[in-house]
Amino acid sequence: MPLFQIGSYSHTYIGTTYRCQRIKRVLLAHIYRNHISMPTY
C-alpha cells in the first residue's frame, strides 16, 4: 500500500474519531444541562 494512502486513511480515522468524541461531549453537556435545569420531584 502506498504511503500517501496510509497517511490519508489515518488522517480520516483520526478526524472521524475526533468528530465523534466532540459530538458525544456536546450531547452529554446538553443532557447534563437539561437534567440539572429540570425540577426534581
PDB file of N, CA and C in Angstrom:
ATOM      1  N   MET A   1       0.866  -1.204   0.000  1.00  0.00           N
ATOM      2  CA  MET A   1       0.000   0.000   0.000  1.00  0.00           C
ATOM      3  C   MET A   1       0.897   1.248   0.000  1.00  0.00           C
ATOM      4  N   PRO A   2       0.593   2.205  -0.862  1.00  0.00           N
ATOM      5  CA  PRO A   2       1.412   3.432  -0.899  1.00  0.00           C
ATOM      6  C   PRO A   2       1.329   4.190   0.414  1.00  0.00           C
ATOM      7  N   LEU A   3       2.372   4.947   0.672  1.00  0.00           N
ATOM      8  CA  LEU A   3       2.446   5.660   1.946  1.00  0.00           C
ATOM      9  C   LEU A   3       1.384   6.747   2.037  1.00  0.00           C
ATOM     10  N   PHE A   4       1.094   7.433   0.935  1.00  0.00           N
ATOM     11  CA  PHE A   4       0.108   8.520   0.992  1.00  0.00           C
ATOM     12  C   PHE A   4      -1.287   7.984   1.293  1.00  0.00           C
ATOM     13  N   GLN A   5      -1.560   6.750   0.861  1.00  0.00           N
ATOM     14  CA  GLN A   5      -2.865   6.171   1.189  1.00  0.00           C
ATOM     15  C   GLN A   5      -2.968   5.913   2.696  1.00  0.00           C
ATOM     16  N   ILE A   6      -1.895   5.406   3.286  1.00  0.00           N
ATOM     17  CA  ILE A   6      -1.898   5.156   4.728  1.00  0.00           C
ATOM     18  C   ILE A   6      -2.070   6.479   5.474  1.00  0.00           C
ATOM     19  N   GLY A   7      -1.375   7.517   5.015  1.00  0.00           N
ATOM     20  CA  GLY A   7      -1.465   8.816   5.667  1.00  0.00           C
ATOM     21  C   GLY A   7      -2.879   9.364   5.597  1.00  0.00           C
ATOM     22  N   SER A   8      -3.500   9.300   4.423  1.00  0.00           N
ATOM     23  CA  SER A   8      -4.851   9.838   4.287  1.00  0.00           C
ATOM     24  C   SER A   8      -5.829   9.004   5.114  1.00  0.00           C
ATOM     25  N   TYR A   9      -5.605   7.678   5.171  1.00  0.00           N
ATOM     26  CA  TYR A   9      -6.508   6.824   5.928  1.00  0.00           C
ATOM     27  C   TYR A   9      -6.422   7.149   7.418  1.00  0.00           C
ATOM     28  N   SER A  10      -5.189   7.281   7.936  1.00  0.00           N
ATOM     29  CA  SER A  10      -5.042   7.585   9.358  1.00  0.00           C
ATOM     30  C   SER A  10      -5.594   8.973   9.655  1.00  0.00           C
ATOM     31  N   HIS A  11      -5.404   9.906   8.719  1.00  0.00           N
ATOM     32  CA  HIS A  11      -5.937  11.257   8.930  1.00  0.00           C
ATOM     33  C   HIS A  11      -7.458  11.223   8.996  1.00  0.00           C
ATOM     34  N   THR A  12      -8.082  10.461   8.089  1.00  0.00           N
ATOM     35  CA  THR A  12      -9.542  10.357   8.093  1.00  0.00           C
ATOM     36  C   THR A  12     -10.017   9.677   9.378  1.00  0.00           C
ATOM     37  N   TYR A  13      -9.302   8.633   9.794  1.00  0.00           N
ATOM     38  CA  TYR A  13      -9.692   7.910  11.005  1.00  0.00           C
ATOM     39  C   TYR A  13      -9.615   8.831  12.226  1.00  0.00           C
ATOM     40  N   ILE A  14      -8.526   9.577  12.330  1.00  0.00           N
ATOM     41  CA  ILE A  14      -8.368  10.490  13.473  1.00  0.00           C
ATOM     42  C   ILE A  14      -9.447  11.568  13.422  1.00  0.00           C
ATOM     43  N   GLY A  15      -9.731  12.091  12.225  1.00  0.00           N
ATOM     44  CA  GLY A  15     -10.758  13.123  12.100  1.00  0.00           C
ATOM     45  C   GLY A  15     -12.118  12.591  12.504  1.00  0.00           C
ATOM     46  N   THR A  16     -12.446  11.377  12.074  1.00  0.00           N
ATOM     47  CA  THR A  16     -13.743  10.794  12.420  1.00  0.00           C
ATOM     48  C   THR A  16     -13.842  10.559  13.923  1.00  0.00           C
ATOM     49  N   THR A  17     -12.778  10.027  14.512  1.00  0.00           N
ATOM     50  CA  THR A  17     -12.793   9.770  15.956  1.00  0.00           C
ATOM     51  C   THR A  17     -12.946  11.068  16.726  1.00  0.00           C
ATOM     52  N   TYR A  18     -12.202  12.107  16.294  1.00  0.00           N
ATOM     53  CA  TYR A  18     -12.277  13.397  16.988  1.00  0.00           C
ATOM     54  C   TYR A  18     -13.677  13.977  16.880  1.00  0.00           C
ATOM     55  N   ARG A  19     -14.280  13.854  15.678  1.00  0.00           N
ATOM     56  CA  ARG A  19     -15.628  14.397  15.475  1.00  0.00           C
ATOM     57  C   ARG A  19     -16.617  13.647  16.359  1.00  0.00           C
ATOM     58  N   CYS A  20     -16.511  12.330  16.431  1.00  0.00           N
ATOM     59  CA  CYS A  20     -17.437  11.549  17.254  1.00  0.00           C
ATOM     60  C   CYS A  20     -17.296  11.930  18.718  1.00  0.00           C
ATOM     61  N   GLN A  21     -16.061  12.087  19.188  1.00  0.00           N
ATOM     62  CA  GLN A  21     -15.870  12.458  20.587  1.00  0.00           C
ATOM     63  C   GLN A  21     -16.444  13.831  20.868  1.00  0.00           C
ATOM     64  N   ARG A  22     -16.279  14.762  19.909  1.00  0.00           N
ATOM     65  CA  ARG A  22     -16.789  16.113  20.126  1.00  0.00           C
ATOM     66  C   ARG A  22     -18.314  16.094  20.168  1.00  0.00           C
ATOM     67  N   ILE A  23     -18.945  15.341  19.250  1.00  0.00           N
ATOM     68  CA  ILE A  23     -20.410  15.259  19.227  1.00  0.00           C
ATOM     69  C   ILE A  23     -20.907  14.632  20.528  1.00  0.00           C
ATOM     70  N   LYS A  24     -20.198  13.578  20.972  1.00  0.00           N
ATOM     71  CA  LYS A  24     -20.617  12.905  22.203  1.00  0.00           C
ATOM     72  C   LYS A  24     -20.511  13.862  23.389  1.00  0.00           C
ATOM     73  N   ARG A  25     -19.425  14.658  23.426  1.00  0.00           N
ATOM     74  CA  ARG A  25     -19.243  15.591  24.534  1.00  0.00           C
ATOM     75  C   ARG A  25     -20.339  16.646  24.530  1.00  0.00           C
ATOM     76  N   VAL A  26     -20.700  17.138  23.333  1.00  0.00           N
ATOM     77  CA  VAL A  26     -21.752  18.161  23.239  1.00  0.00           C
ATOM     78  C   VAL A  26     -23.088  17.574  23.682  1.00  0.00           C
ATOM     79  N   LEU A  27     -23.361  16.338  23.239  1.00  0.00           N
ATOM     80  CA  LEU A  27     -24.623  15.705  23.634  1.00  0.00           C
ATOM     81  C   LEU A  27     -24.677  15.502  25.142  1.00  0.00           C
ATOM     82  N   LEU A  28     -23.571  15.034  25.720  1.00  0.00           N
ATOM     83  CA  LEU A  28     -23.550  14.829  27.170  1.00  0.00           C
ATOM     84  C   LEU A  28     -23.749  16.144  27.902  1.00  0.00           C
ATOM     85  N   ALA A  29     -23.139  17.215  27.409  1.00  0.00           N
ATOM     86  CA  ALA A  29     -23.308  18.513  28.050  1.00  0.00           C
ATOM     87  C   ALA A  29     -24.766  18.952  27.975  1.00  0.00           C
ATOM     88  N   HIS A  30     -25.401  18.725  26.814  1.00  0.00           N
ATOM     89  CA  HIS A  30     -26.810  19.090  26.669  1.00  0.00           C
ATOM     90  C   HIS A  30     -27.670  18.306  27.657  1.00  0.00           C
ATOM     91  N   ILE A  31     -27.463  16.994  27.697  1.00  0.00           N
ATOM     92  CA  ILE A  31     -28.260  16.148  28.591  1.00  0.00           C
ATOM     93  C   ILE A  31     -28.028  16.559  30.039  1.00  0.00           C
ATOM     94  N   TYR A  32     -26.758  16.812  30.386  1.00  0.00           N
ATOM     95  CA  TYR A  32     -26.433  17.190  31.765  1.00  0.00           C
ATOM     96  C   TYR A  32     -27.115  18.505  32.128  1.00  0.00           C
ATOM     97  N   ARG A  33     -27.048  19.486  31.215  1.00  0.00           N
ATOM     98  CA  ARG A  33     -27.634  20.789  31.496  1.00  0.00           C
ATOM     99  C   ARG A  33     -29.153  20.661  31.633  1.00  0.00           C
ATOM    100  N   ASN A  34     -29.772  19.900  30.726  1.00  0.00           N
ATOM    101  CA  ASN A  34     -31.228  19.745  30.793  1.00  0.00           C
ATOM    102  C   ASN A  34     -31.624  19.019  32.075  1.00  0.00           C
ATOM    103  N   HIS A  35     -30.831  18.035  32.473  1.00  0.00           N
ATOM    104  CA  HIS A  35     -31.144  17.272  33.683  1.00  0.00           C
ATOM    105  C   HIS A  35     -31.029  18.175  34.914  1.00  0.00           C
ATOM    106  N   ILE A  36     -30.025  19.028  34.919  1.00  0.00           N
ATOM    107  CA  ILE A  36     -29.830  19.921  36.074  1.00  0.00           C
ATOM    108  C   ILE A  36     -30.948  20.960  36.112  1.00  0.00           C
ATOM    109  N   SER A  37     -31.320  21.487  34.927  1.00  0.00           N
ATOM    110  CA  SER A  37     -32.313  22.552  34.903  1.00  0.00           C
ATOM    111  C   SER A  37     -33.723  22.017  35.165  1.00  0.00           C
ATOM    112  N   MET A  38     -33.927  20.724  34.955  1.00  0.00           N
ATOM    113  CA  MET A  38     -35.248  20.170  35.200  1.00  0.00           C
ATOM    114  C   MET A  38     -35.557  20.150  36.699  1.00  0.00           C
ATOM    115  N   PRO A  39     -36.777  20.414  37.090  1.00  0.00           N
ATOM    116  CA  PRO A  39     -37.110  20.371  38.505  1.00  0.00           C
ATOM    117  C   PRO A  39     -37.102  18.941  39.024  1.00  0.00           C
ATOM    118  N   THR A  40     -36.621  18.743  40.210  1.00  0.00           N
ATOM    119  CA  THR A  40     -36.581  17.410  40.818  1.00  0.00           C
ATOM    120  C   THR A  40     -37.829  17.199  41.666  1.00  0.00           C
ATOM    121  N   TYR A  41     -38.475  16.110  41.449  1.00  0.00           N
ATOM    122  CA  TYR A  41     -39.712  15.848  42.177  1.00  0.00           C
ATOM    123  C   TYR A  41     -39.453  15.030  43.433  1.00  0.00           C
TER     124      TYR A  41
END
